[in-house]
Amino acid sequence: MAASVFLPLSAGPANAAPEGDMLLVYMNHARVLRLDRPVAKVIIGNAAVADATVADARTIVLTGKNFGTTNLLLLDIDGNPIVDERILVSIDEGNTVRVYKQTERNVFSCAPNCEKHVQQAGATGP
């Protein structure tokens, strides 16, 4: 893990503190990551779980796409790691309802209307 990581630009649910040793981002939300030096290459372990977009050389936008975990690797121009972090994509628990029927579980996001979350193939998570 790099000694100098990044600072979230603003407070709020999508920019909550890291969960343990993982970066937390909510599904269908973005998190802005500021770097202390320019990034040359961005690698996401599982693109079905999260996406990273380069806003500028020192700003990355991380978006949660599906429940689960993956990793983010950012390299400088010389191929040295700037960031090597695990990412947890989670649901905003404050606006959810879970419906259990025997062994089946459905999760609904209710902000403002309840809609069923569909887990995409290739994603892992709760």
N, C-alpha and C. Protein backbone atom coordinates (compact mmCIF):
# COMPACT_ATOMS: atom_id res chain seq x y z
N MET A 1 0.84 -1.17 0.00
CA MET A 1 0.00 0.00 0.00
C MET A 1 0.89 1.24 0.00
N ALA A 2 0.53 2.22 -0.78
CA ALA A 2 1.31 3.44 -0.87
C ALA A 2 1.15 4.27 0.40
N ALA A 3 2.19 4.98 0.78
CA ALA A 3 2.15 5.80 1.98
C ALA A 3 1.24 7.01 1.78
N SER A 4 1.24 7.57 0.61
CA SER A 4 0.38 8.71 0.34
C SER A 4 -0.72 8.25 -0.58
N VAL A 5 -1.92 8.32 -0.11
CA VAL A 5 -3.03 7.81 -0.90
C VAL A 5 -3.78 9.01 -1.46
N PHE A 6 -4.96 9.27 -1.03
CA PHE A 6 -5.79 10.31 -1.59
C PHE A 6 -6.75 10.81 -0.54
N LEU A 7 -7.38 11.91 -0.84
CA LEU A 7 -8.35 12.50 0.07
C LEU A 7 -9.67 12.64 -0.66
N PRO A 8 -10.78 12.25 -0.03
CA PRO A 8 -12.07 12.49 -0.66
C PRO A 8 -12.33 14.00 -0.73
N LEU A 9 -12.97 14.44 -1.79
CA LEU A 9 -13.24 15.86 -1.95
C LEU A 9 -14.34 16.36 -1.04
N SER A 10 -15.31 15.50 -0.77
CA SER A 10 -16.42 15.95 0.06
C SER A 10 -16.88 14.82 0.95
N ALA A 11 -17.55 15.20 2.02
CA ALA A 11 -18.08 14.20 2.94
C ALA A 11 -19.42 13.71 2.40
N GLY A 12 -19.90 12.60 2.95
CA GLY A 12 -21.18 12.07 2.54
C GLY A 12 -21.08 10.58 2.37
N PRO A 13 -22.22 9.91 2.16
CA PRO A 13 -22.24 8.47 2.10
C PRO A 13 -21.30 7.87 1.06
N ALA A 14 -21.20 8.46 -0.12
CA ALA A 14 -20.34 7.87 -1.15
C ALA A 14 -18.87 8.09 -0.87
N ASN A 15 -18.55 8.97 0.08
CA ASN A 15 -17.17 9.25 0.42
C ASN A 15 -16.87 8.90 1.86
N ALA A 16 -17.54 7.87 2.36
CA ALA A 16 -17.34 7.46 3.74
C ALA A 16 -15.92 6.95 3.93
N ALA A 17 -15.51 6.87 5.18
CA ALA A 17 -14.16 6.39 5.50
C ALA A 17 -13.98 4.96 5.01
N PRO A 18 -12.74 4.55 4.76
CA PRO A 18 -12.51 3.19 4.32
C PRO A 18 -13.05 2.18 5.31
N GLU A 19 -13.58 1.07 4.83
CA GLU A 19 -14.12 -0.02 5.62
C GLU A 19 -12.98 -0.97 5.92
N GLY A 20 -12.42 -0.89 7.15
CA GLY A 20 -11.26 -1.71 7.48
C GLY A 20 -10.10 -1.28 6.61
N ASP A 21 -9.56 -2.20 5.84
CA ASP A 21 -8.47 -1.89 4.91
C ASP A 21 -8.97 -1.73 3.49
N MET A 22 -10.28 -1.54 3.32
CA MET A 22 -10.85 -1.42 1.98
C MET A 22 -11.45 -0.04 1.78
N LEU A 23 -11.43 0.41 0.53
CA LEU A 23 -12.15 1.63 0.17
C LEU A 23 -13.62 1.27 0.03
N LEU A 24 -14.48 2.06 0.59
CA LEU A 24 -15.91 1.81 0.51
C LEU A 24 -16.54 2.75 -0.50
N VAL A 25 -17.29 2.19 -1.42
CA VAL A 25 -18.09 3.00 -2.34
C VAL A 25 -19.44 2.29 -2.47
N TYR A 26 -20.50 3.10 -2.50
CA TYR A 26 -21.83 2.51 -2.61
C TYR A 26 -22.18 2.24 -4.06
N MET A 27 -22.98 1.20 -4.27
CA MET A 27 -23.40 0.84 -5.61
C MET A 27 -24.16 2.01 -6.24
N ASN A 28 -23.84 2.28 -7.50
CA ASN A 28 -24.45 3.36 -8.29
C ASN A 28 -24.11 4.75 -7.75
N HIS A 29 -23.01 4.87 -6.98
CA HIS A 29 -22.51 6.15 -6.50
C HIS A 29 -21.06 6.30 -6.95
N ALA A 30 -20.60 7.52 -6.98
CA ALA A 30 -19.22 7.81 -7.35
C ALA A 30 -18.46 8.33 -6.14
N ARG A 31 -17.18 8.09 -6.15
CA ARG A 31 -16.27 8.59 -5.11
C ARG A 31 -15.07 9.21 -5.82
N VAL A 32 -14.72 10.44 -5.44
CA VAL A 32 -13.60 11.13 -6.06
C VAL A 32 -12.34 10.86 -5.25
N LEU A 33 -11.28 10.45 -5.93
CA LEU A 33 -10.00 10.16 -5.28
C LEU A 33 -8.97 11.15 -5.80
N ARG A 34 -8.32 11.86 -4.89
CA ARG A 34 -7.25 12.80 -5.23
C ARG A 34 -5.91 12.13 -4.96
N LEU A 35 -5.00 12.25 -5.90
CA LEU A 35 -3.69 11.62 -5.78
C LEU A 35 -2.62 12.67 -5.54
N ASP A 36 -1.52 12.26 -4.92
CA ASP A 36 -0.43 13.21 -4.67
C ASP A 36 0.55 13.30 -5.84
N ARG A 37 0.42 12.39 -6.82
CA ARG A 37 1.24 12.48 -8.03
C ARG A 37 0.44 11.93 -9.22
N PRO A 38 0.84 12.28 -10.44
CA PRO A 38 0.07 11.89 -11.62
C PRO A 38 0.01 10.38 -11.83
N VAL A 39 -1.13 9.93 -12.31
CA VAL A 39 -1.33 8.51 -12.62
C VAL A 39 -1.18 8.31 -14.12
N ALA A 40 -0.57 7.19 -14.51
CA ALA A 40 -0.41 6.87 -15.93
C ALA A 40 -1.28 5.69 -16.35
N LYS A 41 -1.55 4.78 -15.41
CA LYS A 41 -2.35 3.59 -15.74
C LYS A 41 -3.28 3.27 -14.59
N VAL A 42 -4.54 2.92 -14.94
CA VAL A 42 -5.56 2.55 -13.96
C VAL A 42 -6.02 1.14 -14.27
N ILE A 43 -5.98 0.28 -13.23
CA ILE A 43 -6.37 -1.12 -13.40
C ILE A 43 -7.41 -1.46 -12.34
N ILE A 44 -8.55 -2.00 -12.78
CA ILE A 44 -9.59 -2.49 -11.88
C ILE A 44 -9.62 -4.01 -12.03
N GLY A 45 -9.58 -4.73 -10.91
CA GLY A 45 -9.56 -6.18 -10.95
C GLY A 45 -10.80 -6.78 -11.58
N ASN A 46 -11.99 -6.32 -11.20
CA ASN A 46 -13.24 -6.84 -11.73
C ASN A 46 -14.12 -5.67 -12.15
N ALA A 47 -14.19 -5.44 -13.44
CA ALA A 47 -14.93 -4.30 -13.99
C ALA A 47 -16.44 -4.45 -13.80
N ALA A 48 -16.94 -5.64 -13.45
CA ALA A 48 -18.36 -5.81 -13.17
C ALA A 48 -18.72 -5.24 -11.80
N VAL A 49 -17.73 -5.06 -10.91
CA VAL A 49 -17.97 -4.57 -9.56
C VAL A 49 -17.76 -3.06 -9.46
N ALA A 50 -16.70 -2.54 -10.07
CA ALA A 50 -16.39 -1.11 -9.96
C ALA A 50 -15.75 -0.61 -11.25
N ASP A 51 -15.80 0.70 -11.42
CA ASP A 51 -15.19 1.34 -12.58
C ASP A 51 -14.38 2.53 -12.09
N ALA A 52 -13.27 2.80 -12.74
CA ALA A 52 -12.44 3.96 -12.41
C ALA A 52 -12.23 4.78 -13.68
N THR A 53 -12.48 6.07 -13.57
CA THR A 53 -12.33 6.99 -14.69
C THR A 53 -11.32 8.06 -14.31
N VAL A 54 -10.44 8.39 -15.23
CA VAL A 54 -9.45 9.44 -14.99
C VAL A 54 -10.08 10.78 -15.34
N ALA A 55 -10.30 11.62 -14.32
CA ALA A 55 -10.84 12.96 -14.55
C ALA A 55 -9.72 13.89 -15.00
N ASP A 56 -8.56 13.78 -14.34
CA ASP A 56 -7.33 14.44 -14.76
C ASP A 56 -6.18 13.63 -14.18
N ALA A 57 -4.95 14.03 -14.39
CA ALA A 57 -3.79 13.22 -14.01
C ALA A 57 -3.73 12.91 -12.51
N ARG A 58 -4.37 13.72 -11.68
CA ARG A 58 -4.34 13.50 -10.24
C ARG A 58 -5.72 13.26 -9.63
N THR A 59 -6.72 13.03 -10.46
CA THR A 59 -8.08 12.81 -9.96
C THR A 59 -8.70 11.60 -10.64
N ILE A 60 -9.14 10.63 -9.82
CA ILE A 60 -9.80 9.43 -10.31
C ILE A 60 -11.21 9.42 -9.75
N VAL A 61 -12.19 9.03 -10.58
CA VAL A 61 -13.56 8.87 -10.12
C VAL A 61 -13.85 7.38 -10.09
N LEU A 62 -14.13 6.88 -8.90
CA LEU A 62 -14.41 5.47 -8.67
C LEU A 62 -15.92 5.31 -8.54
N THR A 63 -16.52 4.40 -9.33
CA THR A 63 -17.96 4.20 -9.33
C THR A 63 -18.29 2.76 -8.98
N GLY A 64 -19.19 2.58 -8.02
CA GLY A 64 -19.65 1.24 -7.65
C GLY A 64 -20.69 0.75 -8.64
N LYS A 65 -20.44 -0.39 -9.27
CA LYS A 65 -21.36 -0.91 -10.28
C LYS A 65 -22.20 -2.07 -9.77
N ASN A 66 -21.66 -2.86 -8.85
CA ASN A 66 -22.38 -4.02 -8.35
C ASN A 66 -21.80 -4.42 -7.00
N PHE A 67 -22.56 -5.11 -6.19
CA PHE A 67 -22.10 -5.57 -4.89
C PHE A 67 -20.86 -6.45 -5.05
N GLY A 68 -19.93 -6.30 -4.13
CA GLY A 68 -18.78 -7.20 -4.13
C GLY A 68 -17.49 -6.49 -3.80
N THR A 69 -16.40 -7.21 -4.01
CA THR A 69 -15.08 -6.65 -3.78
C THR A 69 -14.23 -6.82 -5.03
N THR A 70 -13.28 -5.93 -5.18
CA THR A 70 -12.31 -6.00 -6.26
C THR A 70 -11.09 -5.22 -5.78
N ASN A 71 -10.19 -4.91 -6.69
CA ASN A 71 -9.05 -4.09 -6.30
C ASN A 71 -8.81 -2.99 -7.33
N LEU A 72 -8.12 -1.95 -6.88
CA LEU A 72 -7.77 -0.81 -7.71
C LEU A 72 -6.26 -0.67 -7.66
N LEU A 73 -5.65 -0.63 -8.81
CA LEU A 73 -4.20 -0.45 -8.91
C LEU A 73 -3.94 0.76 -9.80
N LEU A 74 -3.23 1.75 -9.27
CA LEU A 74 -2.87 2.95 -10.02
C LEU A 74 -1.36 3.00 -10.13
N LEU A 75 -0.86 3.15 -11.36
CA LEU A 75 0.58 3.17 -11.61
C LEU A 75 1.02 4.52 -12.14
N ASP A 76 2.26 4.92 -11.78
CA ASP A 76 2.81 6.16 -12.32
C ASP A 76 3.45 5.88 -13.69
N ILE A 77 4.05 6.87 -14.28
CA ILE A 77 4.64 6.77 -15.62
C ILE A 77 5.74 5.72 -15.70
N ASP A 78 6.42 5.45 -14.58
CA ASP A 78 7.49 4.45 -14.54
C ASP A 78 6.99 3.06 -14.20
N GLY A 79 5.67 2.91 -14.02
CA GLY A 79 5.10 1.61 -13.67
C GLY A 79 5.12 1.30 -12.19
N ASN A 80 5.47 2.29 -11.37
CA ASN A 80 5.48 2.10 -9.92
C ASN A 80 4.08 2.30 -9.37
N PRO A 81 3.67 1.48 -8.40
CA PRO A 81 2.32 1.64 -7.84
C PRO A 81 2.19 2.91 -7.01
N ILE A 82 1.13 3.66 -7.29
CA ILE A 82 0.76 4.82 -6.49
C ILE A 82 -0.24 4.36 -5.43
N VAL A 83 -1.20 3.55 -5.87
CA VAL A 83 -2.24 3.01 -5.01
C VAL A 83 -2.45 1.55 -5.37
N ASP A 84 -2.58 0.71 -4.36
CA ASP A 84 -2.94 -0.70 -4.53
C ASP A 84 -3.89 -1.02 -3.38
N GLU A 85 -5.18 -0.87 -3.63
CA GLU A 85 -6.19 -0.98 -2.57
C GLU A 85 -7.31 -1.93 -2.97
N ARG A 86 -7.90 -2.56 -1.96
CA ARG A 86 -9.11 -3.34 -2.16
C ARG A 86 -10.30 -2.40 -2.09
N ILE A 87 -11.33 -2.71 -2.87
CA ILE A 87 -12.54 -1.89 -2.93
C ILE A 87 -13.72 -2.75 -2.50
N LEU A 88 -14.55 -2.20 -1.64
CA LEU A 88 -15.80 -2.85 -1.26
C LEU A 88 -16.94 -2.02 -1.83
N VAL A 89 -17.73 -2.63 -2.71
CA VAL A 89 -18.92 -1.97 -3.22
C VAL A 89 -20.09 -2.53 -2.44
N SER A 90 -20.78 -1.63 -1.75
CA SER A 90 -21.85 -2.02 -0.86
C SER A 90 -23.10 -1.23 -1.18
N ILE A 91 -24.16 -1.59 -0.55
CA ILE A 91 -25.42 -0.89 -0.73
C ILE A 91 -25.59 0.12 0.40
N ASP A 92 -26.23 1.22 0.12
CA ASP A 92 -26.55 2.22 1.14
C ASP A 92 -27.67 1.64 1.99
N GLU A 93 -27.29 1.07 3.14
CA GLU A 93 -28.24 0.34 3.99
C GLU A 93 -29.42 1.19 4.45
N GLY A 94 -29.25 2.49 4.52
CA GLY A 94 -30.31 3.36 5.01
C GLY A 94 -31.54 3.39 4.13
N ASN A 95 -31.41 3.01 2.89
CA ASN A 95 -32.53 3.10 1.94
C ASN A 95 -32.87 1.75 1.33
N THR A 96 -32.69 0.66 2.08
CA THR A 96 -32.94 -0.66 1.51
C THR A 96 -33.96 -1.45 2.32
N VAL A 97 -34.58 -2.38 1.63
CA VAL A 97 -35.48 -3.35 2.23
C VAL A 97 -35.08 -4.71 1.69
N ARG A 98 -34.96 -5.69 2.58
CA ARG A 98 -34.66 -7.07 2.17
C ARG A 98 -35.89 -7.92 2.38
N VAL A 99 -36.22 -8.73 1.39
CA VAL A 99 -37.37 -9.63 1.47
C VAL A 99 -36.84 -11.05 1.37
N TYR A 100 -37.11 -11.86 2.39
CA TYR A 100 -36.67 -13.26 2.42
C TYR A 100 -37.86 -14.17 2.23
N LYS A 101 -37.71 -15.15 1.35
CA LYS A 101 -38.73 -16.16 1.13
C LYS A 101 -38.01 -17.50 1.04
N GLN A 102 -38.07 -18.25 2.11
CA GLN A 102 -37.33 -19.49 2.27
C GLN A 102 -35.84 -19.20 2.06
N THR A 103 -35.21 -19.74 1.03
CA THR A 103 -33.78 -19.50 0.80
C THR A 103 -33.52 -18.37 -0.18
N GLU A 104 -34.56 -17.76 -0.71
CA GLU A 104 -34.41 -16.68 -1.68
C GLU A 104 -34.38 -15.33 -0.96
N ARG A 105 -33.48 -14.46 -1.40
CA ARG A 105 -33.39 -13.12 -0.83
C ARG A 105 -33.44 -12.09 -1.95
N ASN A 106 -34.28 -11.07 -1.78
CA ASN A 106 -34.34 -9.96 -2.72
C ASN A 106 -34.02 -8.68 -1.96
N VAL A 107 -33.24 -7.82 -2.58
CA VAL A 107 -32.87 -6.54 -1.98
C VAL A 107 -33.48 -5.43 -2.85
N PHE A 108 -34.16 -4.52 -2.18
CA PHE A 108 -34.79 -3.40 -2.86
C PHE A 108 -34.18 -2.10 -2.37
N SER A 109 -33.89 -1.21 -3.30
CA SER A 109 -33.43 0.14 -2.96
C SER A 109 -34.65 1.03 -2.97
N CYS A 110 -34.89 1.73 -1.88
CA CYS A 110 -36.12 2.50 -1.74
C CYS A 110 -35.81 3.98 -1.55
N ALA A 111 -35.35 4.62 -2.58
CA ALA A 111 -35.03 6.05 -2.50
C ALA A 111 -35.29 6.70 -3.85
N PRO A 112 -36.41 7.26 -4.10
CA PRO A 112 -37.62 7.33 -3.28
C PRO A 112 -38.55 6.14 -3.47
N ASN A 113 -38.51 5.46 -4.62
CA ASN A 113 -39.37 4.30 -4.87
C ASN A 113 -38.55 3.03 -4.74
N CYS A 114 -39.20 1.95 -4.33
CA CYS A 114 -38.49 0.68 -4.17
C CYS A 114 -38.29 0.00 -5.52
N GLU A 115 -37.03 -0.34 -5.81
CA GLU A 115 -36.66 -1.05 -7.04
C GLU A 115 -35.74 -2.19 -6.67
N LYS A 116 -35.95 -3.33 -7.30
CA LYS A 116 -35.17 -4.52 -7.00
C LYS A 116 -33.75 -4.39 -7.57
N HIS A 117 -32.75 -4.74 -6.75
CA HIS A 117 -31.38 -4.79 -7.21
C HIS A 117 -31.14 -6.13 -7.88
N VAL A 118 -30.53 -6.10 -9.04
CA VAL A 118 -30.21 -7.31 -9.77
C VAL A 118 -28.70 -7.45 -9.78
N GLN A 119 -28.20 -8.60 -9.28
CA GLN A 119 -26.75 -8.83 -9.28
C GLN A 119 -26.34 -9.33 -10.65
N GLN A 120 -25.33 -8.67 -11.24
CA GLN A 120 -24.87 -9.04 -12.56
C GLN A 120 -23.94 -10.24 -12.50
N ALA A 121 -23.86 -10.97 -13.59
CA ALA A 121 -22.96 -12.11 -13.67
C ALA A 121 -21.52 -11.65 -13.48
N GLY A 122 -20.73 -12.44 -12.77
CA GLY A 122 -19.33 -12.12 -12.56
C GLY A 122 -19.07 -11.31 -11.31
N ALA A 123 -20.11 -10.80 -10.68
CA ALA A 123 -19.94 -10.02 -9.46
C ALA A 123 -20.07 -10.93 -8.25
N THR A 124 -19.35 -10.60 -7.20
CA THR A 124 -19.46 -11.35 -5.96
C THR A 124 -19.86 -10.41 -4.86
N GLY A 125 -20.58 -10.89 -3.92
CA GLY A 125 -20.96 -10.01 -2.82
C GLY A 125 -22.03 -10.60 -1.95
N PRO A 126 -22.65 -9.74 -1.10
CA PRO A 126 -23.61 -10.20 -0.11
C PRO A 126 -24.84 -10.84 -0.70
